[in-house]
Amino acid sequence: MSAAPPDNDVLWARGIVKSHHGTPALRGVSLAVREGEMLAVTGPRGSGKSTLLGCLSAQLPVDEGEVWFHSAPVHTLGRAGRERLRRERFGWVGPEPHLVPELTARENVALPLLLAGAGHRAAHRAAGEWLDRLDVTGCAKLRPADLPQDIRQRIAVARALAPEPPVVFADDPTAPLHRDAREQVLRILASAARSHHLTLVIATHDPELARYADRTVRLVDGRIEAAPPLPPSPPGAERADVYYLALARGYRALDLARWLLTAGAAAVVAAFLLRALGRALAEPAAGPTACSGACPRWPPSPGSRPSPPAPSPPSTPSGSPA
């Protein structure tokens, strides 16, 4: 058996091969997903995006290759092991909102929490909070048959996020939504991934959705497409790169100073500045090494004036005794 993936990779796949009824869907795909990352898998329809998410999320067994979740070899699990992994560790949002028709919207969102052992009151409270974030609180007591498809899709998103699983898979989650609702769901997904440190893997052909991701990989004909080579830099690009690098470093320095001040380090900064100022005042000012006549010390001590030059002794007449 090969070694487990690196610790910072929550998902890791190597050489995945998967076919549907003899038709190749994935042709040796290798991929690593870092913990807390929002990854978008893009590509045209039929390129293998949904199949890749199915293999990574333990919904589909691979024909060849390896899939790891942390140090657990998913590709060696049987049906029961994969079902348990999906129930306890993964969240899923599909292109169609598959809700339990006999349950209300709140009960659908609370269902995975109850299955995980949460109390009835805590599960329903968390479900209400997620429904509120997705602006569907008014539908909490309605059943799926009484709701339009875009509202049902928001409820499906809330159900996937409510248990706060380590990894959420979303297969074209904004397909049934109109533009305004699509933007809201994208913001909710991205915000949840950042605030709860979730790993989010999204399959989409929507460029607007990919814009929210930390990283994008593109599938074409079951293979990950290599990134195109960078074009040659135009004249003056190196100078611009240096300028923007310096600007970025300046912003980082400002952020660090702001953090120090807000973290209660103002006294430390003030003490450092006073110590530096004291050293500067104690050092003599740079200037000429020689001076004709008497030179007053500068800067004078506080409250004093520079001493005038000492008067010259009176001249003695010629021939007089000294």
C-alpha atoms as a PDB file:
ATOM      1  CA  MET A   1       0.000   0.000   0.000  1.00  0.00           C
ATOM      2  CA  SER A   2       1.303   3.452  -0.836  1.00  0.00           C
ATOM      3  CA  ALA A   3       2.020   6.071   1.801  1.00  0.00           C
ATOM      4  CA  ALA A   4      -0.684   8.374   3.141  1.00  0.00           C
ATOM      5  CA  PRO A   5      -0.898  11.916   1.737  1.00  0.00           C
ATOM      6  CA  PRO A   6       0.724  14.945   3.415  1.00  0.00           C
ATOM      7  CA  ASP A   7      -0.897  16.198   6.622  1.00  0.00           C
ATOM      8  CA  ASN A   8      -2.054  19.487   5.095  1.00  0.00           C
ATOM      9  CA  ASP A   9      -3.998  17.697   2.332  1.00  0.00           C
ATOM     10  CA  VAL A  10      -7.482  16.815   3.526  1.00  0.00           C
ATOM     11  CA  LEU A  11      -8.232  15.060   0.210  1.00  0.00           C
ATOM     12  CA  TRP A  12      -5.713  13.365  -2.036  1.00  0.00           C
ATOM     13  CA  ALA A  13      -6.242  11.360  -5.206  1.00  0.00           C
ATOM     14  CA  ARG A  14      -3.784   9.666  -7.547  1.00  0.00           C
ATOM     15  CA  GLY A  15      -4.404   8.063 -10.913  1.00  0.00           C
ATOM     16  CA  ILE A  16      -8.206   7.882 -10.639  1.00  0.00           C
ATOM     17  CA  VAL A  17      -9.797   5.929 -13.483  1.00  0.00           C
ATOM     18  CA  LYS A  18     -13.583   5.643 -13.683  1.00  0.00           C
ATOM     19  CA  SER A  19     -15.904   4.499 -16.478  1.00  0.00           C
ATOM     20  CA  HIS A  20     -19.677   4.529 -16.849  1.00  0.00           C
ATOM     21  CA  HIS A  21     -21.014   1.525 -18.812  1.00  0.00           C
ATOM     22  CA  GLY A  22     -17.719   1.212 -20.671  1.00  0.00           C
ATOM     23  CA  THR A  23     -17.372   4.935 -21.429  1.00  0.00           C
ATOM     24  CA  PRO A  24     -14.307   6.525 -19.756  1.00  0.00           C
ATOM     25  CA  ALA A  25     -15.219   9.428 -17.464  1.00  0.00           C
ATOM     26  CA  LEU A  26     -11.896   9.935 -15.628  1.00  0.00           C
ATOM     27  CA  ARG A  27      -8.553   9.054 -17.205  1.00  0.00           C
ATOM     28  CA  GLY A  28      -5.865   9.018 -14.520  1.00  0.00           C
ATOM     29  CA  VAL A  29      -6.785  12.134 -12.512  1.00  0.00           C
ATOM     30  CA  SER A  30      -4.451  13.135  -9.661  1.00  0.00           C
ATOM     31  CA  LEU A  31      -5.439  15.925  -7.300  1.00  0.00           C
ATOM     32  CA  ALA A  32      -4.677  17.289  -3.817  1.00  0.00           C
ATOM     33  CA  VAL A  33      -7.032  19.518  -1.822  1.00  0.00           C
ATOM     34  CA  ARG A  34      -5.638  21.453   1.136  1.00  0.00           C
ATOM     35  CA  GLU A  35      -7.495  21.808   4.402  1.00  0.00           C
ATOM     36  CA  GLY A  36      -9.683  24.928   4.492  1.00  0.00           C
ATOM     37  CA  GLU A  37      -9.360  25.464   0.740  1.00  0.00           C
ATOM     38  CA  MET A  38     -12.177  26.422  -1.614  1.00  0.00           C
ATOM     39  CA  LEU A  39     -11.457  24.542  -4.844  1.00  0.00           C
ATOM     40  CA  ALA A  40     -13.460  24.963  -8.055  1.00  0.00           C
ATOM     41  CA  VAL A  41     -13.423  22.158 -10.633  1.00  0.00           C
ATOM     42  CA  THR A  42     -14.385  23.665 -13.984  1.00  0.00           C
ATOM     43  CA  GLY A  43     -14.777  22.361 -17.497  1.00  0.00           C
ATOM     44  CA  PRO A  44     -17.379  21.814 -20.217  1.00  0.00           C
ATOM     45  CA  ARG A  45     -20.362  19.537 -19.737  1.00  0.00           C
ATOM     46  CA  GLY A  46     -19.398  15.880 -19.895  1.00  0.00           C
ATOM     47  CA  SER A  47     -15.776  16.515 -18.903  1.00  0.00           C
ATOM     48  CA  GLY A  48     -15.992  14.364 -15.740  1.00  0.00           C
ATOM     49  CA  LYS A  49     -16.585  17.001 -13.040  1.00  0.00           C
ATOM     50  CA  SER A  50     -19.516  15.234 -11.370  1.00  0.00           C
ATOM     51  CA  THR A  51     -17.750  11.875 -11.561  1.00  0.00           C
ATOM     52  CA  LEU A  52     -14.656  13.328  -9.891  1.00  0.00           C
ATOM     53  CA  LEU A  53     -16.728  14.745  -7.028  1.00  0.00           C
ATOM     54  CA  GLY A  54     -18.521  11.413  -6.705  1.00  0.00           C
ATOM     55  CA  CYS A  55     -15.207   9.564  -6.348  1.00  0.00           C
ATOM     56  CA  LEU A  56     -13.730  12.090  -3.898  1.00  0.00           C
ATOM     57  CA  SER A  57     -16.885  12.074  -1.747  1.00  0.00           C
ATOM     58  CA  ALA A  58     -17.056   8.259  -1.532  1.00  0.00           C
ATOM     59  CA  GLN A  59     -20.287   8.094  -3.517  1.00  0.00           C
ATOM     60  CA  LEU A  60     -18.631   6.214  -6.380  1.00  0.00           C
ATOM     61  CA  PRO A  61     -15.970   3.502  -6.072  1.00  0.00           C
ATOM     62  CA  VAL A  62     -12.976   4.060  -8.340  1.00  0.00           C
ATOM     63  CA  ASP A  63     -12.018   1.516 -11.008  1.00  0.00           C
ATOM     64  CA  GLU A  64      -8.319   2.261 -10.564  1.00  0.00           C
ATOM     65  CA  GLY A  65      -6.254   4.639  -8.460  1.00  0.00           C
ATOM     66  CA  GLU A  66      -6.345   5.905  -4.882  1.00  0.00           C
ATOM     67  CA  VAL A  67      -8.518   8.337  -2.912  1.00  0.00           C
ATOM     68  CA  TRP A  68      -7.532   9.401   0.607  1.00  0.00           C
ATOM     69  CA  PHE A  69      -9.364  11.438   3.237  1.00  0.00           C
ATOM     70  CA  HIS A  70      -6.631  12.509   5.663  1.00  0.00           C
ATOM     71  CA  SER A  71      -4.988   9.138   6.425  1.00  0.00           C
ATOM     72  CA  ALA A  72      -8.042   7.003   5.567  1.00  0.00           C
ATOM     73  CA  PRO A  73      -7.844   5.089   2.250  1.00  0.00           C
ATOM     74  CA  VAL A  74     -11.308   5.700   0.808  1.00  0.00           C
ATOM     75  CA  HIS A  75     -10.626   3.468  -2.208  1.00  0.00           C
ATOM     76  CA  THR A  76     -10.396   0.399   0.059  1.00  0.00           C
ATOM     77  CA  LEU A  77     -13.718   0.970   1.865  1.00  0.00           C
ATOM     78  CA  GLY A  78     -16.780  -1.122   1.182  1.00  0.00           C
ATOM     79  CA  ARG A  79     -20.286   0.228   0.706  1.00  0.00           C
ATOM     80  CA  ALA A  80     -21.037   0.471   4.447  1.00  0.00           C
ATOM     81  CA  GLY A  81     -17.730   2.216   5.172  1.00  0.00           C
ATOM     82  CA  ARG A  82     -18.282   4.765   2.418  1.00  0.00           C
ATOM     83  CA  GLU A  83     -21.815   5.484   3.651  1.00  0.00           C
ATOM     84  CA  ARG A  84     -20.567   6.059   7.183  1.00  0.00           C
ATOM     85  CA  LEU A  85     -17.803   8.366   5.942  1.00  0.00           C
ATOM     86  CA  ARG A  86     -20.289  10.430   3.934  1.00  0.00           C
ATOM     87  CA  ARG A  87     -22.717  10.664   6.831  1.00  0.00           C
ATOM     88  CA  GLU A  88     -20.159  11.656   9.467  1.00  0.00           C
ATOM     89  CA  ARG A  89     -17.540  13.696   7.590  1.00  0.00           C
ATOM     90  CA  PHE A  90     -18.932  15.040   4.316  1.00  0.00           C
ATOM     91  CA  GLY A  91     -21.658  17.435   3.253  1.00  0.00           C
ATOM     92  CA  TRP A  92     -23.249  17.339  -0.198  1.00  0.00           C
ATOM     93  CA  VAL A  93     -25.156  19.795  -2.385  1.00  0.00           C
ATOM     94  CA  GLY A  94     -26.308  18.506  -5.762  1.00  0.00           C
ATOM     95  CA  PRO A  95     -27.719  20.301  -8.804  1.00  0.00           C
ATOM     96  CA  GLU A  96     -31.218  19.197  -7.728  1.00  0.00           C
ATOM     97  CA  PRO A  97     -32.540  19.740  -4.181  1.00  0.00           C
ATOM     98  CA  HIS A  98     -33.303  16.238  -2.897  1.00  0.00           C
ATOM     99  CA  LEU A  99     -35.260  16.888   0.308  1.00  0.00           C
ATOM    100  CA  VAL A 100     -37.392  14.523   2.376  1.00  0.00           C
ATOM    101  CA  PRO A 101     -40.921  15.373   1.173  1.00  0.00           C
ATOM    102  CA  GLU A 102     -42.643  14.467   4.456  1.00  0.00           C
ATOM    103  CA  LEU A 103     -40.481  16.863   6.515  1.00  0.00           C
ATOM    104  CA  THR A 104     -40.677  20.646   6.789  1.00  0.00           C
ATOM    105  CA  ALA A 105     -37.785  22.853   5.718  1.00  0.00           C
ATOM    106  CA  ARG A 106     -36.525  23.185   9.311  1.00  0.00           C
ATOM    107  CA  GLU A 107     -36.808  19.433   9.864  1.00  0.00           C
ATOM    108  CA  ASN A 108     -34.879  18.712   6.655  1.00  0.00           C
ATOM    109  CA  VAL A 109     -32.011  20.955   7.785  1.00  0.00           C
ATOM    110  CA  ALA A 110     -32.036  19.497  11.310  1.00  0.00           C
ATOM    111  CA  LEU A 111     -32.057  15.892  10.061  1.00  0.00           C
ATOM    112  CA  PRO A 112     -28.262  15.366   9.668  1.00  0.00           C
ATOM    113  CA  LEU A 113     -27.693  16.912  13.098  1.00  0.00           C
ATOM    114  CA  LEU A 114     -30.184  14.520  14.689  1.00  0.00           C
ATOM    115  CA  LEU A 115     -28.577  11.562  12.905  1.00  0.00           C
ATOM    116  CA  ALA A 116     -25.208  12.663  14.316  1.00  0.00           C
ATOM    117  CA  GLY A 117     -26.598  12.539  17.871  1.00  0.00           C
ATOM    118  CA  ALA A 118     -27.491  16.188  18.528  1.00  0.00           C
ATOM    119  CA  GLY A 119     -30.417  16.978  20.808  1.00  0.00           C
ATOM    120  CA  HIS A 120     -33.761  17.958  19.314  1.00  0.00           C
ATOM    121  CA  ARG A 121     -33.650  21.546  20.581  1.00  0.00           C
ATOM    122  CA  ALA A 122     -30.016  22.155  19.567  1.00  0.00           C
ATOM    123  CA  ALA A 123     -30.569  20.655  16.111  1.00  0.00           C
ATOM    124  CA  HIS A 124     -33.643  22.781  15.415  1.00  0.00           C
ATOM    125  CA  ARG A 125     -31.929  25.919  16.729  1.00  0.00           C
ATOM    126  CA  ALA A 126     -28.950  25.387  14.392  1.00  0.00           C
ATOM    127  CA  ALA A 127     -31.323  24.648  11.509  1.00  0.00           C
ATOM    128  CA  GLY A 128     -33.148  27.916  12.126  1.00  0.00           C
ATOM    129  CA  GLU A 129     -29.876  29.858  12.135  1.00  0.00           C
ATOM    130  CA  TRP A 130     -28.823  28.455   8.757  1.00  0.00           C
ATOM    131  CA  LEU A 131     -32.252  29.055   7.245  1.00  0.00           C
ATOM    132  CA  ASP A 132     -31.982  32.654   8.415  1.00  0.00           C
ATOM    133  CA  ARG A 133     -28.548  33.072   6.790  1.00  0.00           C
ATOM    134  CA  LEU A 134     -30.020  31.928   3.485  1.00  0.00           C
ATOM    135  CA  ASP A 135     -33.099  34.167   3.811  1.00  0.00           C
ATOM    136  CA  VAL A 136     -35.627  31.320   3.917  1.00  0.00           C
ATOM    137  CA  THR A 137     -36.745  31.575   7.546  1.00  0.00           C
ATOM    138  CA  GLY A 138     -40.320  32.235   6.441  1.00  0.00           C
ATOM    139  CA  CYS A 139     -40.426  28.797   4.829  1.00  0.00           C
ATOM    140  CA  ALA A 140     -39.287  26.887   7.924  1.00  0.00           C
ATOM    141  CA  LYS A 141     -42.679  25.226   8.520  1.00  0.00           C
ATOM    142  CA  LEU A 142     -43.453  24.456   4.870  1.00  0.00           C
ATOM    143  CA  ARG A 143     -42.851  21.169   3.101  1.00  0.00           C
ATOM    144  CA  PRO A 144     -40.815  20.894  -0.130  1.00  0.00           C
ATOM    145  CA  ALA A 145     -43.909  20.423  -2.320  1.00  0.00           C
ATOM    146  CA  ASP A 146     -45.104  23.895  -1.278  1.00  0.00           C
ATOM    147  CA  LEU A 147     -41.846  25.627  -2.226  1.00  0.00           C
ATOM    148  CA  PRO A 148     -40.326  26.723  -5.563  1.00  0.00           C
ATOM    149  CA  GLN A 149     -37.158  25.020  -6.741  1.00  0.00           C
ATOM    150  CA  ASP A 150     -34.784  27.874  -5.928  1.00  0.00           C
ATOM    151  CA  ILE A 151     -36.014  27.954  -2.307  1.00  0.00           C
ATOM    152  CA  ARG A 152     -35.625  24.179  -2.045  1.00  0.00           C
ATOM    153  CA  GLN A 153     -32.048  24.517  -3.304  1.00  0.00           C
ATOM    154  CA  ARG A 154     -31.238  27.054  -0.588  1.00  0.00           C
ATOM    155  CA  ILE A 155     -32.656  24.649   1.989  1.00  0.00           C
ATOM    156  CA  ALA A 156     -30.413  21.909   0.578  1.00  0.00           C
ATOM    157  CA  VAL A 157     -27.401  24.217   0.987  1.00  0.00           C
ATOM    158  CA  ALA A 158     -28.414  24.932   4.597  1.00  0.00           C
ATOM    159  CA  ARG A 159     -28.758  21.194   5.264  1.00  0.00           C
ATOM    160  CA  ALA A 160     -25.224  20.543   3.967  1.00  0.00           C
ATOM    161  CA  LEU A 161     -23.672  23.344   6.035  1.00  0.00           C
ATOM    162  CA  ALA A 162     -25.605  22.934   9.305  1.00  0.00           C
ATOM    163  CA  PRO A 163     -23.525  20.006  10.679  1.00  0.00           C
ATOM    164  CA  GLU A 164     -20.319  21.949   9.816  1.00  0.00           C
ATOM    165  CA  PRO A 165     -18.608  18.919   8.239  1.00  0.00           C
ATOM    166  CA  PRO A 166     -14.874  19.046   7.462  1.00  0.00           C
ATOM    167  CA  VAL A 167     -15.550  18.837   3.702  1.00  0.00           C
ATOM    168  CA  VAL A 168     -18.531  20.041   1.657  1.00  0.00           C
ATOM    169  CA  PHE A 169     -18.951  18.901  -1.952  1.00  0.00           C
ATOM    170  CA  ALA A 170     -21.179  20.955  -4.240  1.00  0.00           C
ATOM    171  CA  ASP A 171     -22.000  19.708  -7.725  1.00  0.00           C
ATOM    172  CA  ASP A 172     -23.191  22.725  -9.736  1.00  0.00           C
ATOM    173  CA  PRO A 173     -25.097  24.059  -6.686  1.00  0.00           C
ATOM    174  CA  THR A 174     -26.337  27.261  -8.335  1.00  0.00           C
ATOM    175  CA  ALA A 175     -27.873  25.635 -11.439  1.00  0.00           C
ATOM    176  CA  PRO A 176     -31.540  26.072 -10.378  1.00  0.00           C
ATOM    177  CA  LEU A 177     -31.075  29.584  -8.967  1.00  0.00           C
ATOM    178  CA  HIS A 178     -31.697  32.963 -10.548  1.00  0.00           C
ATOM    179  CA  ARG A 179     -28.873  35.500 -10.604  1.00  0.00           C
ATOM    180  CA  ASP A 180     -29.527  37.297  -7.290  1.00  0.00           C
ATOM    181  CA  ALA A 181     -30.043  34.048  -5.379  1.00  0.00           C
ATOM    182  CA  ARG A 182     -26.936  32.582  -7.036  1.00  0.00           C
ATOM    183  CA  GLU A 183     -24.773  35.445  -5.779  1.00  0.00           C
ATOM    184  CA  GLN A 184     -26.169  35.070  -2.261  1.00  0.00           C
ATOM    185  CA  VAL A 185     -25.579  31.312  -2.142  1.00  0.00           C
ATOM    186  CA  LEU A 186     -22.017  31.784  -3.421  1.00  0.00           C
ATOM    187  CA  ARG A 187     -21.310  34.339  -0.707  1.00  0.00           C
ATOM    188  CA  ILE A 188     -22.795  32.040   1.946  1.00  0.00           C
ATOM    189  CA  LEU A 189     -20.696  29.086   0.767  1.00  0.00           C
ATOM    190  CA  ALA A 190     -17.499  31.149   0.658  1.00  0.00           C
ATOM    191  CA  SER A 191     -18.219  32.784   4.028  1.00  0.00           C
ATOM    192  CA  ALA A 192     -18.965  29.433   5.673  1.00  0.00           C
ATOM    193  CA  ALA A 193     -15.755  27.961   4.290  1.00  0.00           C
ATOM    194  CA  ARG A 194     -13.718  30.867   5.699  1.00  0.00           C
ATOM    195  CA  SER A 195     -15.429  31.294   9.085  1.00  0.00           C
ATOM    196  CA  HIS A 196     -15.791  27.587   9.933  1.00  0.00           C
ATOM    197  CA  HIS A 197     -12.558  26.486   8.205  1.00  0.00           C
ATOM    198  CA  LEU A 198     -14.423  24.093   5.929  1.00  0.00           C
ATOM    199  CA  THR A 199     -12.915  22.555   2.830  1.00  0.00           C
ATOM    200  CA  LEU A 200     -15.186  23.248  -0.134  1.00  0.00           C
ATOM    201  CA  VAL A 201     -14.948  21.401  -3.469  1.00  0.00           C
ATOM    202  CA  ILE A 202     -17.299  22.742  -6.151  1.00  0.00           C
ATOM    203  CA  ALA A 203     -17.910  21.446  -9.668  1.00  0.00           C
ATOM    204  CA  THR A 204     -19.201  24.140 -11.986  1.00  0.00           C
ATOM    205  CA  HIS A 205     -19.129  25.528 -15.495  1.00  0.00           C
ATOM    206  CA  ASP A 206     -20.184  28.955 -14.171  1.00  0.00           C
ATOM    207  CA  PRO A 207     -17.247  31.420 -14.275  1.00  0.00           C
ATOM    208  CA  GLU A 208     -18.943  33.566 -11.614  1.00  0.00           C
ATOM    209  CA  LEU A 209     -18.764  30.701  -9.126  1.00  0.00           C
ATOM    210  CA  ALA A 210     -15.123  29.942  -9.913  1.00  0.00           C
ATOM    211  CA  ARG A 211     -14.307  33.570  -9.112  1.00  0.00           C
ATOM    212  CA  TYR A 212     -14.984  32.915  -5.414  1.00  0.00           C
ATOM    213  CA  ALA A 213     -12.574  29.957  -5.213  1.00  0.00           C
ATOM    214  CA  ASP A 214      -9.034  29.959  -3.839  1.00  0.00           C
ATOM    215  CA  ARG A 215      -7.894  27.705  -6.671  1.00  0.00           C
ATOM    216  CA  THR A 216      -9.319  26.371  -9.920  1.00  0.00           C
ATOM    217  CA  VAL A 217      -8.568  23.180 -11.837  1.00  0.00           C
ATOM    218  CA  ARG A 218     -10.024  22.483 -15.258  1.00  0.00           C
ATOM    219  CA  LEU A 219     -11.148  19.083 -16.505  1.00  0.00           C
ATOM    220  CA  VAL A 220     -11.248  18.317 -20.226  1.00  0.00           C
ATOM    221  CA  ASP A 221     -12.205  14.857 -21.493  1.00  0.00           C
ATOM    222  CA  GLY A 222     -11.573  13.245 -18.111  1.00  0.00           C
ATOM    223  CA  ARG A 223      -8.122  14.748 -17.606  1.00  0.00           C
ATOM    224  CA  ILE A 224      -6.875  17.777 -15.701  1.00  0.00           C
ATOM    225  CA  GLU A 225      -5.827  20.375 -18.222  1.00  0.00           C
ATOM    226  CA  ALA A 226      -2.331  21.741 -17.775  1.00  0.00           C
ATOM    227  CA  ALA A 227      -2.050  25.451 -17.145  1.00  0.00           C
ATOM    228  CA  PRO A 228      -1.062  27.393 -20.292  1.00  0.00           C
ATOM    229  CA  PRO A 229       2.445  28.869 -20.380  1.00  0.00           C
ATOM    230  CA  LEU A 230       2.755  32.456 -19.274  1.00  0.00           C
ATOM    231  CA  PRO A 231       3.209  35.026 -22.061  1.00  0.00           C
ATOM    232  CA  PRO A 232       6.516  36.909 -22.247  1.00  0.00           C
ATOM    233  CA  SER A 233       6.709  39.942 -20.014  1.00  0.00           C
ATOM    234  CA  PRO A 234       6.269  43.299 -21.779  1.00  0.00           C
ATOM    235  CA  PRO A 235       8.994  45.964 -21.545  1.00  0.00           C
ATOM    236  CA  GLY A 236       9.099  47.530 -18.100  1.00  0.00           C
ATOM    237  CA  ALA A 237       7.279  44.615 -16.455  1.00  0.00           C
ATOM    238  CA  GLU A 238      10.179  43.869 -14.106  1.00  0.00           C
ATOM    239  CA  ARG A 239      10.104  47.427 -12.781  1.00  0.00           C
ATOM    240  CA  ALA A 240       6.348  47.172 -12.279  1.00  0.00           C
ATOM    241  CA  ASP A 241       6.767  43.844 -10.476  1.00  0.00           C
ATOM    242  CA  VAL A 242       9.304  45.397  -8.110  1.00  0.00           C
ATOM    243  CA  TYR A 243       6.970  48.338  -7.497  1.00  0.00           C
ATOM    244  CA  TYR A 244       3.971  46.161  -6.705  1.00  0.00           C
ATOM    245  CA  LEU A 245       6.086  43.873  -4.519  1.00  0.00           C
ATOM    246  CA  ALA A 246       7.256  46.874  -2.505  1.00  0.00           C
ATOM    247  CA  LEU A 247       3.677  48.121  -2.294  1.00  0.00           C
ATOM    248  CA  ALA A 248       2.481  44.736  -1.046  1.00  0.00           C
ATOM    249  CA  ARG A 249       5.223  44.664   1.580  1.00  0.00           C
ATOM    250  CA  GLY A 250       4.187  48.132   2.705  1.00  0.00           C
ATOM    251  CA  TYR A 251       0.595  47.033   3.130  1.00  0.00           C
ATOM    252  CA  ARG A 252       1.737  43.998   5.107  1.00  0.00           C
ATOM    253  CA  ALA A 253       3.779  46.269   7.371  1.00  0.00           C
ATOM    254  CA  LEU A 254       0.747  48.493   7.928  1.00  0.00           C
ATOM    255  CA  ASP A 255      -1.375  45.459   8.728  1.00  0.00           C
ATOM    256  CA  LEU A 256       1.222  44.281  11.231  1.00  0.00           C
ATOM    257  CA  ALA A 257       1.344  47.700  12.906  1.00  0.00           C
ATOM    258  CA  ARG A 258      -2.459  47.836  13.059  1.00  0.00           C
ATOM    259  CA  TRP A 259      -2.531  44.381  14.595  1.00  0.00           C
ATOM    260  CA  LEU A 260       0.076  45.301  17.190  1.00  0.00           C
ATOM    261  CA  LEU A 261      -1.856  48.388  18.225  1.00  0.00           C
ATOM    262  CA  THR A 262      -5.190  46.596  18.398  1.00  0.00           C
ATOM    263  CA  ALA A 263      -3.617  43.712  20.312  1.00  0.00           C
ATOM    264  CA  GLY A 264      -2.672  45.969  23.214  1.00  0.00           C
ATOM    265  CA  ALA A 265       0.965  46.454  22.257  1.00  0.00           C
ATOM    266  CA  ALA A 266       0.808  50.259  22.233  1.00  0.00           C
ATOM    267  CA  ALA A 267       2.855  50.479  25.450  1.00  0.00           C
ATOM    268  CA  VAL A 268       5.575  48.271  23.994  1.00  0.00           C
ATOM    269  CA  VAL A 269       5.724  50.348  20.827  1.00  0.00           C
ATOM    270  CA  ALA A 270       5.844  53.593  22.848  1.00  0.00           C
ATOM    271  CA  ALA A 271       8.661  52.283  25.046  1.00  0.00           C
ATOM    272  CA  PHE A 272      10.625  51.243  21.971  1.00  0.00           C
ATOM    273  CA  LEU A 273      10.186  54.670  20.378  1.00  0.00           C
ATOM    274  CA  LEU A 274      11.188  56.494  23.589  1.00  0.00           C
ATOM    275  CA  ARG A 275      14.287  54.336  23.945  1.00  0.00           C
ATOM    276  CA  ALA A 276      15.257  55.020  20.333  1.00  0.00           C
ATOM    277  CA  LEU A 277      14.662  58.761  20.832  1.00  0.00           C
ATOM    278  CA  GLY A 278      16.818  58.758  23.966  1.00  0.00           C
ATOM    279  CA  ARG A 279      19.668  57.110  22.118  1.00  0.00           C
ATOM    280  CA  ALA A 280      19.373  59.631  19.304  1.00  0.00           C
ATOM    281  CA  LEU A 281      19.516  62.597  21.724  1.00  0.00           C
ATOM    282  CA  ALA A 282      22.460  61.135  23.621  1.00  0.00           C
ATOM    283  CA  GLU A 283      24.597  60.828  20.513  1.00  0.00           C
ATOM    284  CA  PRO A 284      26.475  64.002  19.399  1.00  0.00           C
ATOM    285  CA  ALA A 285      25.235  65.478  16.190  1.00  0.00           C
ATOM    286  CA  ALA A 286      27.374  64.840  13.143  1.00  0.00           C
ATOM    287  CA  GLY A 287      29.332  67.913  12.108  1.00  0.00           C
ATOM    288  CA  PRO A 288      32.851  69.346  11.579  1.00  0.00           C
ATOM    289  CA  THR A 289      35.596  67.749  13.656  1.00  0.00           C
ATOM    290  CA  ALA A 290      37.351  71.072  14.337  1.00  0.00           C
ATOM    291  CA  CYS A 291      36.041  74.502  15.242  1.00  0.00           C
ATOM    292  CA  SER A 292      37.797  77.872  15.343  1.00  0.00           C
ATOM    293  CA  GLY A 293      37.044  79.697  18.567  1.00  0.00           C
ATOM    294  CA  ALA A 294      34.693  78.577  21.294  1.00  0.00           C
ATOM    295  CA  CYS A 295      31.767  76.484  20.050  1.00  0.00           C
ATOM    296  CA  PRO A 296      28.656  76.368  22.209  1.00  0.00           C
ATOM    297  CA  ARG A 297      27.262  72.884  22.814  1.00  0.00           C
ATOM    298  CA  TRP A 298      24.190  72.209  20.705  1.00  0.00           C
ATOM    299  CA  PRO A 299      21.512  71.383  21.453  1.00  0.00           C
ATOM    300  CA  PRO A 300      21.616  73.152  24.833  1.00  0.00           C
ATOM    301  CA  SER A 301      20.159  71.517  27.890  1.00  0.00           C
ATOM    302  CA  PRO A 302      16.449  72.323  28.469  1.00  0.00           C
ATOM    303  CA  GLY A 303      15.875  75.760  30.020  1.00  0.00           C
ATOM    304  CA  SER A 304      19.411  77.014  29.391  1.00  0.00           C
ATOM    305  CA  ARG A 305      21.002  79.237  26.816  1.00  0.00           C
ATOM    306  CA  PRO A 306      24.281  78.690  25.059  1.00  0.00           C
ATOM    307  CA  SER A 307      27.226  80.243  26.917  1.00  0.00           C
ATOM    308  CA  PRO A 308      28.810  83.236  25.151  1.00  0.00           C
ATOM    309  CA  PRO A 309      32.448  82.955  24.093  1.00  0.00           C
ATOM    310  CA  ALA A 310      35.016  83.859  26.792  1.00  0.00           C
ATOM    311  CA  PRO A 311      36.304  87.492  26.377  1.00  0.00           C
ATOM    312  CA  SER A 312      39.832  87.938  25.073  1.00  0.00           C
ATOM    313  CA  PRO A 313      42.424  89.329  27.632  1.00  0.00           C
ATOM    314  CA  PRO A 314      43.258  93.069  27.221  1.00  0.00           C
ATOM    315  CA  SER A 315      46.276  93.755  25.082  1.00  0.00           C
ATOM    316  CA  THR A 316      49.452  94.998  26.867  1.00  0.00           C
ATOM    317  CA  PRO A 317      51.150  98.161  25.511  1.00  0.00           C
ATOM    318  CA  SER A 318      54.514  97.610  23.979  1.00  0.00           C
ATOM    319  CA  GLY A 319      57.431  98.125  26.439  1.00  0.00           C
ATOM    320  CA  SER A 320      55.259  97.750  29.552  1.00  0.00           C
ATOM    321  CA  PRO A 321      56.083  95.084  32.044  1.00  0.00           C
ATOM    322  CA  ALA A 322      53.993  91.972  31.674  1.00  0.00           C
END
